[in-house]
Amino acid sequence: MILGLQIIAIIFAFLMIYFAILHRRRGELDRTEIISWVTIWAVTIFIVIFPEILRTFAKTFFITRLFDLMIVGGFVLVIGMVTRTYVSTKRMEKKLEDYVRRESLKDVEKKSKK
């Protein structure tokens, strides 16, 4: 890998770790999320510093080009993140629906007492 690109990638990964920690301090990320993000970016730094390990891993799974392995890994990561986001959105919708239902029933009860 080109040294300049490695340096840029390492700086970017450290910045992303910093932003993840910053969001954790603001209370926007929970413990699981901060561990996940720091792990992802730490692995990224490790792969950028030692790209031969990734090439060996790719050959183990009969993937001829390293870029193909990175694309497959990216898809797996994105699919996992989208699934988690979908589940949390559905959970939030359910909570909101229950809240609105309770509040509207309270309003109906108040109006029926009058």
PDB file of N, CA and C in Angstrom:
ATOM      1  N   MET A   1       0.852  -1.182   0.000  1.00  0.00           N
ATOM      2  CA  MET A   1       0.000   0.000   0.000  1.00  0.00           C
ATOM      3  C   MET A   1       0.893   1.239   0.000  1.00  0.00           C
ATOM      4  N   ILE A   2       0.443   2.276  -0.605  1.00  0.00           N
ATOM      5  CA  ILE A   2       1.204   3.515  -0.714  1.00  0.00           C
ATOM      6  C   ILE A   2       1.268   4.182   0.657  1.00  0.00           C
ATOM      7  N   LEU A   3       2.467   4.607   1.045  1.00  0.00           N
ATOM      8  CA  LEU A   3       2.691   5.170   2.374  1.00  0.00           C
ATOM      9  C   LEU A   3       1.799   6.378   2.646  1.00  0.00           C
ATOM     10  N   GLY A   4       1.631   7.254   1.675  1.00  0.00           N
ATOM     11  CA  GLY A   4       0.786   8.436   1.864  1.00  0.00           C
ATOM     12  C   GLY A   4      -0.656   8.071   2.161  1.00  0.00           C
ATOM     13  N   LEU A   5      -1.172   7.066   1.446  1.00  0.00           N
ATOM     14  CA  LEU A   5      -2.540   6.609   1.695  1.00  0.00           C
ATOM     15  C   LEU A   5      -2.661   5.957   3.069  1.00  0.00           C
ATOM     16  N   GLN A   6      -1.612   5.250   3.474  1.00  0.00           N
ATOM     17  CA  GLN A   6      -1.633   4.634   4.800  1.00  0.00           C
ATOM     18  C   GLN A   6      -1.703   5.701   5.888  1.00  0.00           C
ATOM     19  N   ILE A   7      -0.927   6.740   5.737  1.00  0.00           N
ATOM     20  CA  ILE A   7      -0.922   7.818   6.731  1.00  0.00           C
ATOM     21  C   ILE A   7      -2.289   8.497   6.782  1.00  0.00           C
ATOM     22  N   ILE A   8      -2.866   8.777   5.626  1.00  0.00           N
ATOM     23  CA  ILE A   8      -4.193   9.405   5.586  1.00  0.00           C
ATOM     24  C   ILE A   8      -5.234   8.498   6.233  1.00  0.00           C
ATOM     25  N   ALA A   9      -5.175   7.202   5.925  1.00  0.00           N
ATOM     26  CA  ALA A   9      -6.141   6.256   6.495  1.00  0.00           C
ATOM     27  C   ALA A   9      -5.994   6.150   8.010  1.00  0.00           C
ATOM     28  N   ILE A  10      -4.778   6.154   8.500  1.00  0.00           N
ATOM     29  CA  ILE A  10      -4.548   6.072   9.950  1.00  0.00           C
ATOM     30  C   ILE A  10      -5.059   7.331  10.642  1.00  0.00           C
ATOM     31  N   ILE A  11      -4.766   8.487  10.073  1.00  0.00           N
ATOM     32  CA  ILE A  11      -5.257   9.744  10.656  1.00  0.00           C
ATOM     33  C   ILE A  11      -6.783   9.758  10.661  1.00  0.00           C
ATOM     34  N   PHE A  12      -7.394   9.333   9.560  1.00  0.00           N
ATOM     35  CA  PHE A  12      -8.851   9.282   9.478  1.00  0.00           C
ATOM     36  C   PHE A  12      -9.424   8.342  10.540  1.00  0.00           C
ATOM     37  N   ALA A  13      -8.819   7.173  10.703  1.00  0.00           N
ATOM     38  CA  ALA A  13      -9.317   6.203  11.690  1.00  0.00           C
ATOM     39  C   ALA A  13      -9.200   6.762  13.108  1.00  0.00           C
ATOM     40  N   PHE A  14      -8.098   7.424  13.411  1.00  0.00           N
ATOM     41  CA  PHE A  14      -7.958   8.025  14.744  1.00  0.00           C
ATOM     42  C   PHE A  14      -8.986   9.140  14.960  1.00  0.00           C
ATOM     43  N   LEU A  15      -9.255   9.916  13.926  1.00  0.00           N
ATOM     44  CA  LEU A  15     -10.293  10.947  14.039  1.00  0.00           C
ATOM     45  C   LEU A  15     -11.662  10.321  14.298  1.00  0.00           C
ATOM     46  N   MET A  16     -11.946   9.225  13.636  1.00  0.00           N
ATOM     47  CA  MET A  16     -13.231   8.560  13.838  1.00  0.00           C
ATOM     48  C   MET A  16     -13.331   7.973  15.249  1.00  0.00           C
ATOM     49  N   ILE A  17     -12.232   7.458  15.783  1.00  0.00           N
ATOM     50  CA  ILE A  17     -12.228   6.985  17.176  1.00  0.00           C
ATOM     51  C   ILE A  17     -12.491   8.157  18.113  1.00  0.00           C
ATOM     52  N   TYR A  18     -11.844   9.291  17.837  1.00  0.00           N
ATOM     53  CA  TYR A  18     -12.055  10.488  18.654  1.00  0.00           C
ATOM     54  C   TYR A  18     -13.522  10.921  18.628  1.00  0.00           C
ATOM     55  N   PHE A  19     -14.128  10.934  17.427  1.00  0.00           N
ATOM     56  CA  PHE A  19     -15.537  11.329  17.330  1.00  0.00           C
ATOM     57  C   PHE A  19     -16.453  10.336  18.035  1.00  0.00           C
ATOM     58  N   ALA A  20     -16.119   9.061  17.968  1.00  0.00           N
ATOM     59  CA  ALA A  20     -16.927   8.055  18.669  1.00  0.00           C
ATOM     60  C   ALA A  20     -16.863   8.282  20.175  1.00  0.00           C
ATOM     61  N   ILE A  21     -15.677   8.548  20.691  1.00  0.00           N
ATOM     62  CA  ILE A  21     -15.523   8.814  22.129  1.00  0.00           C
ATOM     63  C   ILE A  21     -16.251  10.101  22.501  1.00  0.00           C
ATOM     64  N   LEU A  22     -16.164  11.102  21.646  1.00  0.00           N
ATOM     65  CA  LEU A  22     -16.862  12.361  21.888  1.00  0.00           C
ATOM     66  C   LEU A  22     -18.374  12.147  21.969  1.00  0.00           C
ATOM     67  N   HIS A  23     -18.919  11.365  21.058  1.00  0.00           N
ATOM     68  CA  HIS A  23     -20.359  11.074  21.086  1.00  0.00           C
ATOM     69  C   HIS A  23     -20.731  10.239  22.309  1.00  0.00           C
ATOM     70  N   ARG A  24     -19.837   9.393  22.748  1.00  0.00           N
ATOM     71  CA  ARG A  24     -20.097   8.607  23.970  1.00  0.00           C
ATOM     72  C   ARG A  24     -20.177   9.535  25.183  1.00  0.00           C
ATOM     73  N   ARG A  25     -19.278  10.498  25.261  1.00  0.00           N
ATOM     74  CA  ARG A  25     -19.292  11.439  26.387  1.00  0.00           C
ATOM     75  C   ARG A  25     -20.548  12.297  26.393  1.00  0.00           C
ATOM     76  N   ARG A  26     -21.093  12.571  25.223  1.00  0.00           N
ATOM     77  CA  ARG A  26     -22.339  13.339  25.129  1.00  0.00           C
ATOM     78  C   ARG A  26     -23.561  12.480  25.439  1.00  0.00           C
ATOM     79  N   GLY A  27     -23.350  11.184  25.561  1.00  0.00           N
ATOM     80  CA  GLY A  27     -24.450  10.276  25.857  1.00  0.00           C
ATOM     81  C   GLY A  27     -25.215   9.826  24.626  1.00  0.00           C
ATOM     82  N   GLU A  28     -24.659  10.042  23.447  1.00  0.00           N
ATOM     83  CA  GLU A  28     -25.335   9.676  22.209  1.00  0.00           C
ATOM     84  C   GLU A  28     -25.071   8.233  21.795  1.00  0.00           C
ATOM     85  N   LEU A  29     -24.037   7.620  22.349  1.00  0.00           N
ATOM     86  CA  LEU A  29     -23.716   6.224  22.061  1.00  0.00           C
ATOM     87  C   LEU A  29     -23.703   5.440  23.363  1.00  0.00           C
ATOM     88  N   ASP A  30     -24.235   4.228  23.316  1.00  0.00           N
ATOM     89  CA  ASP A  30     -24.169   3.396  24.515  1.00  0.00           C
ATOM     90  C   ASP A  30     -22.867   2.590  24.507  1.00  0.00           C
ATOM     91  N   ARG A  31     -22.695   1.776  25.530  1.00  0.00           N
ATOM     92  CA  ARG A  31     -21.432   1.054  25.708  1.00  0.00           C
ATOM     93  C   ARG A  31     -21.155   0.100  24.540  1.00  0.00           C
ATOM     94  N   THR A  32     -22.173  -0.613  24.106  1.00  0.00           N
ATOM     95  CA  THR A  32     -22.000  -1.566  23.006  1.00  0.00           C
ATOM     96  C   THR A  32     -21.581  -0.854  21.727  1.00  0.00           C
ATOM     97  N   GLU A  33     -22.192   0.275  21.454  1.00  0.00           N
ATOM     98  CA  GLU A  33     -21.878   1.016  20.234  1.00  0.00           C
ATOM     99  C   GLU A  33     -20.457   1.563  20.257  1.00  0.00           C
ATOM    100  N   ILE A  34     -20.028   2.103  21.386  1.00  0.00           N
ATOM    101  CA  ILE A  34     -18.670   2.653  21.446  1.00  0.00           C
ATOM    102  C   ILE A  34     -17.637   1.546  21.298  1.00  0.00           C
ATOM    103  N   ILE A  35     -17.901   0.395  21.912  1.00  0.00           N
ATOM    104  CA  ILE A  35     -16.975  -0.735  21.769  1.00  0.00           C
ATOM    105  C   ILE A  35     -16.928  -1.185  20.314  1.00  0.00           C
ATOM    106  N   SER A  36     -18.073  -1.239  19.665  1.00  0.00           N
ATOM    107  CA  SER A  36     -18.126  -1.652  18.256  1.00  0.00           C
ATOM    108  C   SER A  36     -17.347  -0.690  17.370  1.00  0.00           C
ATOM    109  N   TRP A  37     -17.589   0.603  17.534  1.00  0.00           N
ATOM    110  CA  TRP A  37     -16.921   1.583  16.679  1.00  0.00           C
ATOM    111  C   TRP A  37     -15.416   1.625  16.918  1.00  0.00           C
ATOM    112  N   VAL A  38     -15.007   1.596  18.169  1.00  0.00           N
ATOM    113  CA  VAL A  38     -13.564   1.625  18.445  1.00  0.00           C
ATOM    114  C   VAL A  38     -12.903   0.366  17.895  1.00  0.00           C
ATOM    115  N   THR A  39     -13.573  -0.773  18.021  1.00  0.00           N
ATOM    116  CA  THR A  39     -13.023  -2.019  17.481  1.00  0.00           C
ATOM    117  C   THR A  39     -12.903  -1.954  15.963  1.00  0.00           C
ATOM    118  N   ILE A  40     -13.939  -1.467  15.307  1.00  0.00           N
ATOM    119  CA  ILE A  40     -13.905  -1.355  13.841  1.00  0.00           C
ATOM    120  C   ILE A  40     -12.747  -0.474  13.392  1.00  0.00           C
ATOM    121  N   TRP A  41     -12.578   0.673  14.034  1.00  0.00           N
ATOM    122  CA  TRP A  41     -11.521   1.587  13.607  1.00  0.00           C
ATOM    123  C   TRP A  41     -10.137   1.092  14.017  1.00  0.00           C
ATOM    124  N   ALA A  42     -10.036   0.383  15.140  1.00  0.00           N
ATOM    125  CA  ALA A  42      -8.746  -0.199  15.532  1.00  0.00           C
ATOM    126  C   ALA A  42      -8.336  -1.296  14.546  1.00  0.00           C
ATOM    127  N   VAL A  43      -9.291  -2.114  14.136  1.00  0.00           N
ATOM    128  CA  VAL A  43      -9.001  -3.145  13.129  1.00  0.00           C
ATOM    129  C   VAL A  43      -8.609  -2.487  11.807  1.00  0.00           C
ATOM    130  N   THR A  44      -9.255  -1.392  11.474  1.00  0.00           N
ATOM    131  CA  THR A  44      -8.902  -0.660  10.257  1.00  0.00           C
ATOM    132  C   THR A  44      -7.458  -0.180  10.318  1.00  0.00           C
ATOM    133  N   ILE A  45      -7.064   0.375  11.443  1.00  0.00           N
ATOM    134  CA  ILE A  45      -5.676   0.834  11.610  1.00  0.00           C
ATOM    135  C   ILE A  45      -4.717  -0.341  11.465  1.00  0.00           C
ATOM    136  N   PHE A  46      -5.044  -1.464  12.101  1.00  0.00           N
ATOM    137  CA  PHE A  46      -4.196  -2.652  12.036  1.00  0.00           C
ATOM    138  C   PHE A  46      -4.054  -3.143  10.596  1.00  0.00           C
ATOM    139  N   ILE A  47      -5.161  -3.167   9.863  1.00  0.00           N
ATOM    140  CA  ILE A  47      -5.131  -3.629   8.470  1.00  0.00           C
ATOM    141  C   ILE A  47      -4.337  -2.667   7.590  1.00  0.00           C
ATOM    142  N   VAL A  48      -4.455  -1.382   7.852  1.00  0.00           N
ATOM    143  CA  VAL A  48      -3.712  -0.399   7.059  1.00  0.00           C
ATOM    144  C   VAL A  48      -2.214  -0.528   7.315  1.00  0.00           C
ATOM    145  N   ILE A  49      -1.842  -0.800   8.557  1.00  0.00           N
ATOM    146  CA  ILE A  49      -0.418  -0.932   8.881  1.00  0.00           C
ATOM    147  C   ILE A  49       0.150  -2.250   8.359  1.00  0.00           C
ATOM    148  N   PHE A  50      -0.635  -3.328   8.457  1.00  0.00           N
ATOM    149  CA  PHE A  50      -0.182  -4.659   8.043  1.00  0.00           C
ATOM    150  C   PHE A  50      -1.101  -5.236   6.957  1.00  0.00           C
ATOM    151  N   PRO A  51      -1.038  -4.735   5.732  1.00  0.00           N
ATOM    152  CA  PRO A  51      -1.957  -5.210   4.687  1.00  0.00           C
ATOM    153  C   PRO A  51      -1.698  -6.652   4.244  1.00  0.00           C
ATOM    154  N   GLU A  52      -0.511  -7.171   4.478  1.00  0.00           N
ATOM    155  CA  GLU A  52      -0.203  -8.545   4.072  1.00  0.00           C
ATOM    156  C   GLU A  52      -1.058  -9.560   4.819  1.00  0.00           C
ATOM    157  N   ILE A  53      -1.417  -9.255   6.048  1.00  0.00           N
ATOM    158  CA  ILE A  53      -2.278 -10.161   6.816  1.00  0.00           C
ATOM    159  C   ILE A  53      -3.621 -10.304   6.115  1.00  0.00           C
ATOM    160  N   LEU A  54      -4.128  -9.214   5.594  1.00  0.00           N
ATOM    161  CA  LEU A  54      -5.401  -9.247   4.879  1.00  0.00           C
ATOM    162  C   LEU A  54      -5.279 -10.029   3.577  1.00  0.00           C
ATOM    163  N   ARG A  55      -4.143  -9.916   2.908  1.00  0.00           N
ATOM    164  CA  ARG A  55      -3.935 -10.685   1.673  1.00  0.00           C
ATOM    165  C   ARG A  55      -3.909 -12.184   1.971  1.00  0.00           C
ATOM    166  N   THR A  56      -3.253 -12.563   3.053  1.00  0.00           N
ATOM    167  CA  THR A  56      -3.216 -13.971   3.455  1.00  0.00           C
ATOM    168  C   THR A  56      -4.621 -14.467   3.770  1.00  0.00           C
ATOM    169  N   PHE A  57      -5.388 -13.656   4.461  1.00  0.00           N
ATOM    170  CA  PHE A  57      -6.774 -14.003   4.793  1.00  0.00           C
ATOM    171  C   PHE A  57      -7.605 -14.169   3.525  1.00  0.00           C
ATOM    172  N   ALA A  58      -7.391 -13.299   2.550  1.00  0.00           N
ATOM    173  CA  ALA A  58      -8.131 -13.376   1.287  1.00  0.00           C
ATOM    174  C   ALA A  58      -7.790 -14.659   0.537  1.00  0.00           C
ATOM    175  N   LYS A  59      -6.525 -15.038   0.524  1.00  0.00           N
ATOM    176  CA  LYS A  59      -6.123 -16.268  -0.166  1.00  0.00           C
ATOM    177  C   LYS A  59      -6.718 -17.497   0.506  1.00  0.00           C
ATOM    178  N   THR A  60      -6.898 -17.448   1.818  1.00  0.00           N
ATOM    179  CA  THR A  60      -7.499 -18.567   2.538  1.00  0.00           C
ATOM    180  C   THR A  60      -8.906 -18.846   2.028  1.00  0.00           C
ATOM    181  N   PHE A  61      -9.649 -17.807   1.701  1.00  0.00           N
ATOM    182  CA  PHE A  61     -11.024 -17.954   1.222  1.00  0.00           C
ATOM    183  C   PHE A  61     -11.117 -17.892  -0.307  1.00  0.00           C
ATOM    184  N   PHE A  62      -9.997 -18.080  -0.977  1.00  0.00           N
ATOM    185  CA  PHE A  62      -9.928 -18.133  -2.435  1.00  0.00           C
ATOM    186  C   PHE A  62     -10.459 -16.866  -3.091  1.00  0.00           C
ATOM    187  N   ILE A  63     -10.188 -15.733  -2.472  1.00  0.00           N
ATOM    188  CA  ILE A  63     -10.538 -14.441  -3.060  1.00  0.00           C
ATOM    189  C   ILE A  63      -9.258 -13.903  -3.681  1.00  0.00           C
ATOM    190  N   THR A  64      -9.273 -13.746  -4.995  1.00  0.00           N
ATOM    191  CA  THR A  64      -8.032 -13.435  -5.700  1.00  0.00           C
ATOM    192  C   THR A  64      -7.569 -11.994  -5.506  1.00  0.00           C
ATOM    193  N   ARG A  65      -8.509 -11.080  -5.437  1.00  0.00           N
ATOM    194  CA  ARG A  65      -8.110  -9.681  -5.290  1.00  0.00           C
ATOM    195  C   ARG A  65      -8.483  -9.182  -3.901  1.00  0.00           C
ATOM    196  N   LEU A  66      -7.594  -8.441  -3.302  1.00  0.00           N
ATOM    197  CA  LEU A  66      -7.806  -7.895  -1.961  1.00  0.00           C
ATOM    198  C   LEU A  66      -8.989  -6.936  -1.942  1.00  0.00           C
ATOM    199  N   PHE A  67      -9.158  -6.198  -3.013  1.00  0.00           N
ATOM    200  CA  PHE A  67     -10.268  -5.248  -3.093  1.00  0.00           C
ATOM    201  C   PHE A  67     -11.612  -5.966  -2.993  1.00  0.00           C
ATOM    202  N   ASP A  68     -11.716  -7.146  -3.617  1.00  0.00           N
ATOM    203  CA  ASP A  68     -12.958  -7.927  -3.534  1.00  0.00           C
ATOM    204  C   ASP A  68     -13.268  -8.302  -2.090  1.00  0.00           C
ATOM    205  N   LEU A  69     -12.251  -8.693  -1.348  1.00  0.00           N
ATOM    206  CA  LEU A  69     -12.447  -9.032   0.065  1.00  0.00           C
ATOM    207  C   LEU A  69     -12.940  -7.822   0.846  1.00  0.00           C
ATOM    208  N   MET A  70     -12.366  -6.663   0.569  1.00  0.00           N
ATOM    209  CA  MET A  70     -12.781  -5.458   1.275  1.00  0.00           C
ATOM    210  C   MET A  70     -14.223  -5.085   0.928  1.00  0.00           C
ATOM    211  N   ILE A  71     -14.618  -5.280  -0.310  1.00  0.00           N
ATOM    212  CA  ILE A  71     -16.001  -5.003  -0.718  1.00  0.00           C
ATOM    213  C   ILE A  71     -16.960  -5.946  -0.003  1.00  0.00           C
ATOM    214  N   VAL A  72     -16.631  -7.234   0.037  1.00  0.00           N
ATOM    215  CA  VAL A  72     -17.478  -8.210   0.728  1.00  0.00           C
ATOM    216  C   VAL A  72     -17.578  -7.861   2.213  1.00  0.00           C
ATOM    217  N   GLY A  73     -16.450  -7.538   2.827  1.00  0.00           N
ATOM    218  CA  GLY A  73     -16.455  -7.138   4.238  1.00  0.00           C
ATOM    219  C   GLY A  73     -17.282  -5.888   4.474  1.00  0.00           C
ATOM    220  N   GLY A  74     -17.191  -4.947   3.554  1.00  0.00           N
ATOM    221  CA  GLY A  74     -17.993  -3.730   3.665  1.00  0.00           C
ATOM    222  C   GLY A  74     -19.480  -4.012   3.570  1.00  0.00           C
ATOM    223  N   PHE A  75     -19.845  -4.896   2.650  1.00  0.00           N
ATOM    224  CA  PHE A  75     -21.260  -5.277   2.537  1.00  0.00           C
ATOM    225  C   PHE A  75     -21.760  -5.929   3.817  1.00  0.00           C
ATOM    226  N   VAL A  76     -20.974  -6.827   4.364  1.00  0.00           N
ATOM    227  CA  VAL A  76     -21.374  -7.499   5.606  1.00  0.00           C
ATOM    228  C   VAL A  76     -21.550  -6.471   6.720  1.00  0.00           C
ATOM    229  N   LEU A  77     -20.619  -5.542   6.832  1.00  0.00           N
ATOM    230  CA  LEU A  77     -20.694  -4.508   7.859  1.00  0.00           C
ATOM    231  C   LEU A  77     -21.920  -3.615   7.656  1.00  0.00           C
ATOM    232  N   VAL A  78     -22.147  -3.178   6.436  1.00  0.00           N
ATOM    233  CA  VAL A  78     -23.287  -2.298   6.156  1.00  0.00           C
ATOM    234  C   VAL A  78     -24.609  -3.024   6.397  1.00  0.00           C
ATOM    235  N   ILE A  79     -24.699  -4.283   5.986  1.00  0.00           N
ATOM    236  CA  ILE A  79     -25.932  -5.039   6.211  1.00  0.00           C
ATOM    237  C   ILE A  79     -26.205  -5.179   7.703  1.00  0.00           C
ATOM    238  N   GLY A  80     -25.176  -5.445   8.482  1.00  0.00           N
ATOM    239  CA  GLY A  80     -25.347  -5.527   9.937  1.00  0.00           C
ATOM    240  C   GLY A  80     -25.806  -4.213  10.539  1.00  0.00           C
ATOM    241  N   MET A  81     -25.214  -3.115  10.091  1.00  0.00           N
ATOM    242  CA  MET A  81     -25.587  -1.809  10.622  1.00  0.00           C
ATOM    243  C   MET A  81     -27.007  -1.425  10.219  1.00  0.00           C
ATOM    244  N   VAL A  82     -27.383  -1.714   8.985  1.00  0.00           N
ATOM    245  CA  VAL A  82     -28.736  -1.395   8.522  1.00  0.00           C
ATOM    246  C   VAL A  82     -29.765  -2.226   9.286  1.00  0.00           C
ATOM    247  N   THR A  83     -29.457  -3.489   9.527  1.00  0.00           N
ATOM    248  CA  THR A  83     -30.371  -4.341  10.282  1.00  0.00           C
ATOM    249  C   THR A  83     -30.567  -3.811  11.687  1.00  0.00           C
ATOM    250  N   ARG A  84     -29.486  -3.434  12.332  1.00  0.00           N
ATOM    251  CA  ARG A  84     -29.584  -2.890  13.687  1.00  0.00           C
ATOM    252  C   ARG A  84     -30.396  -1.589  13.695  1.00  0.00           C
ATOM    253  N   THR A  85     -30.164  -0.739  12.717  1.00  0.00           N
ATOM    254  CA  THR A  85     -30.912   0.511  12.622  1.00  0.00           C
ATOM    255  C   THR A  85     -32.392   0.244  12.382  1.00  0.00           C
ATOM    256  N   TYR A  86     -32.703  -0.711  11.532  1.00  0.00           N
ATOM    257  CA  TYR A  86     -34.094  -1.057  11.251  1.00  0.00           C
ATOM    258  C   TYR A  86     -34.793  -1.554  12.513  1.00  0.00           C
ATOM    259  N   VAL A  87     -34.133  -2.440  13.245  1.00  0.00           N
ATOM    260  CA  VAL A  87     -34.735  -2.987  14.465  1.00  0.00           C
ATOM    261  C   VAL A  87     -34.958  -1.884  15.493  1.00  0.00           C
ATOM    262  N   SER A  88     -33.977  -1.008  15.677  1.00  0.00           N
ATOM    263  CA  SER A  88     -34.148   0.064  16.663  1.00  0.00           C
ATOM    264  C   SER A  88     -35.225   1.055  16.218  1.00  0.00           C
ATOM    265  N   THR A  89     -35.350   1.302  14.924  1.00  0.00           N
ATOM    266  CA  THR A  89     -36.413   2.176  14.428  1.00  0.00           C
ATOM    267  C   THR A  89     -37.781   1.558  14.673  1.00  0.00           C
ATOM    268  N   LYS A  90     -37.910   0.266  14.414  1.00  0.00           N
ATOM    269  CA  LYS A  90     -39.179  -0.420  14.673  1.00  0.00           C
ATOM    270  C   LYS A  90     -39.522  -0.379  16.158  1.00  0.00           C
ATOM    271  N   ARG A  91     -38.528  -0.564  17.007  1.00  0.00           N
ATOM    272  CA  ARG A  91     -38.743  -0.505  18.455  1.00  0.00           C
ATOM    273  C   ARG A  91     -39.226   0.887  18.857  1.00  0.00           C
ATOM    274  N   MET A  92     -38.612   1.914  18.292  1.00  0.00           N
ATOM    275  CA  MET A  92     -39.003   3.289  18.590  1.00  0.00           C
ATOM    276  C   MET A  92     -40.416   3.575  18.084  1.00  0.00           C
ATOM    277  N   GLU A  93     -40.759   3.081  16.902  1.00  0.00           N
ATOM    278  CA  GLU A  93     -42.117   3.256  16.378  1.00  0.00           C
ATOM    279  C   GLU A  93     -43.141   2.618  17.308  1.00  0.00           C
ATOM    280  N   LYS A  94     -42.844   1.443  17.806  1.00  0.00           N
ATOM    281  CA  LYS A  94     -43.758   0.741  18.714  1.00  0.00           C
ATOM    282  C   LYS A  94     -43.950   1.540  20.001  1.00  0.00           C
ATOM    283  N   LYS A  95     -42.859   2.058  20.558  1.00  0.00           N
ATOM    284  CA  LYS A  95     -42.964   2.863  21.775  1.00  0.00           C
ATOM    285  C   LYS A  95     -43.798   4.116  21.525  1.00  0.00           C
ATOM    286  N   LEU A  96     -43.557   4.772  20.400  1.00  0.00           N
ATOM    287  CA  LEU A  96     -44.303   5.983  20.065  1.00  0.00           C
ATOM    288  C   LEU A  96     -45.782   5.670  19.863  1.00  0.00           C
ATOM    289  N   GLU A  97     -46.071   4.577  19.189  1.00  0.00           N
ATOM    290  CA  GLU A  97     -47.461   4.176  18.969  1.00  0.00           C
ATOM    291  C   GLU A  97     -48.164   3.884  20.294  1.00  0.00           C
ATOM    292  N   ASP A  98     -47.496   3.181  21.198  1.00  0.00           N
ATOM    293  CA  ASP A  98     -48.081   2.896  22.513  1.00  0.00           C
ATOM    294  C   ASP A  98     -48.325   4.177  23.301  1.00  0.00           C
ATOM    295  N   TYR A  99     -47.385   5.106  23.235  1.00  0.00           N
ATOM    296  CA  TYR A  99     -47.520   6.380  23.941  1.00  0.00           C
ATOM    297  C   TYR A  99     -48.713   7.174  23.402  1.00  0.00           C
ATOM    298  N   VAL A 100     -48.805   7.279  22.083  1.00  0.00           N
ATOM    299  CA  VAL A 100     -49.908   8.026  21.469  1.00  0.00           C
ATOM    300  C   VAL A 100     -51.239   7.374  21.817  1.00  0.00           C
ATOM    301  N   ARG A 101     -51.284   6.064  21.802  1.00  0.00           N
ATOM    302  CA  ARG A 101     -52.519   5.351  22.140  1.00  0.00           C
ATOM    303  C   ARG A 101     -52.930   5.639  23.587  1.00  0.00           C
ATOM    304  N   ARG A 102     -51.969   5.576  24.520  1.00  0.00           N
ATOM    305  CA  ARG A 102     -52.270   5.867  25.931  1.00  0.00           C
ATOM    306  C   ARG A 102     -52.771   7.290  26.111  1.00  0.00           C
ATOM    307  N   GLU A 103     -52.101   8.236  25.481  1.00  0.00           N
ATOM    308  CA  GLU A 103     -52.489   9.642  25.614  1.00  0.00           C
ATOM    309  C   GLU A 103     -53.868   9.898  25.012  1.00  0.00           C
ATOM    310  N   SER A 104     -54.153   9.290  23.887  1.00  0.00           N
ATOM    311  CA  SER A 104     -55.476   9.511  23.283  1.00  0.00           C
ATOM    312  C   SER A 104     -56.574   8.868  24.121  1.00  0.00           C
ATOM    313  N   LEU A 105     -56.291   7.731  24.745  1.00  0.00           N
ATOM    314  CA  LEU A 105     -57.281   7.116  25.634  1.00  0.00           C
ATOM    315  C   LEU A 105     -57.516   7.968  26.875  1.00  0.00           C
ATOM    316  N   LYS A 106     -56.459   8.614  27.374  1.00  0.00           N
ATOM    317  CA  LYS A 106     -56.620   9.525  28.513  1.00  0.00           C
ATOM    318  C   LYS A 106     -57.534  10.688  28.126  1.00  0.00           C
ATOM    319  N   ASP A 107     -57.323  11.234  26.929  1.00  0.00           N
ATOM    320  CA  ASP A 107     -58.166  12.338  26.459  1.00  0.00           C
ATOM    321  C   ASP A 107     -59.617  11.908  26.320  1.00  0.00           C
ATOM    322  N   VAL A 108     -59.847  10.715  25.831  1.00  0.00           N
ATOM    323  CA  VAL A 108     -61.214  10.203  25.672  1.00  0.00           C
ATOM    324  C   VAL A 108     -61.866  10.027  27.035  1.00  0.00           C
ATOM    325  N   GLU A 109     -61.117   9.517  28.007  1.00  0.00           N
ATOM    326  CA  GLU A 109     -61.655   9.325  29.353  1.00  0.00           C
ATOM    327  C   GLU A 109     -62.003  10.663  29.996  1.00  0.00           C
ATOM    328  N   LYS A 110     -61.161  11.675  29.801  1.00  0.00           N
ATOM    329  CA  LYS A 110     -61.431  13.002  30.361  1.00  0.00           C
ATOM    330  C   LYS A 110     -62.691  13.605  29.741  1.00  0.00           C
ATOM    331  N   LYS A 111     -62.852  13.457  28.446  1.00  0.00           N
ATOM    332  CA  LYS A 111     -64.024  14.013  27.765  1.00  0.00           C
ATOM    333  C   LYS A 111     -65.298  13.274  28.151  1.00  0.00           C
ATOM    334  N   SER A 112     -65.202  11.982  28.395  1.00  0.00           N
ATOM    335  CA  SER A 112     -66.402  11.214  28.755  1.00  0.00           C
ATOM    336  C   SER A 112     -66.845  11.513  30.187  1.00  0.00           C
ATOM    337  N   LYS A 113     -65.934  11.955  31.060  1.00  0.00           N
ATOM    338  CA  LYS A 113     -66.284  12.304  32.438  1.00  0.00           C
ATOM    339  C   LYS A 113     -66.984  13.652  32.506  1.00  0.00           C
ATOM    340  N   LYS A 114     -66.790  14.496  31.526  1.00  0.00           N
ATOM    341  CA  LYS A 114     -67.375  15.844  31.545  1.00  0.00           C
ATOM    342  C   LYS A 114     -68.774  15.840  31.145  1.00  0.00           C
TER     343      LYS A 114
END
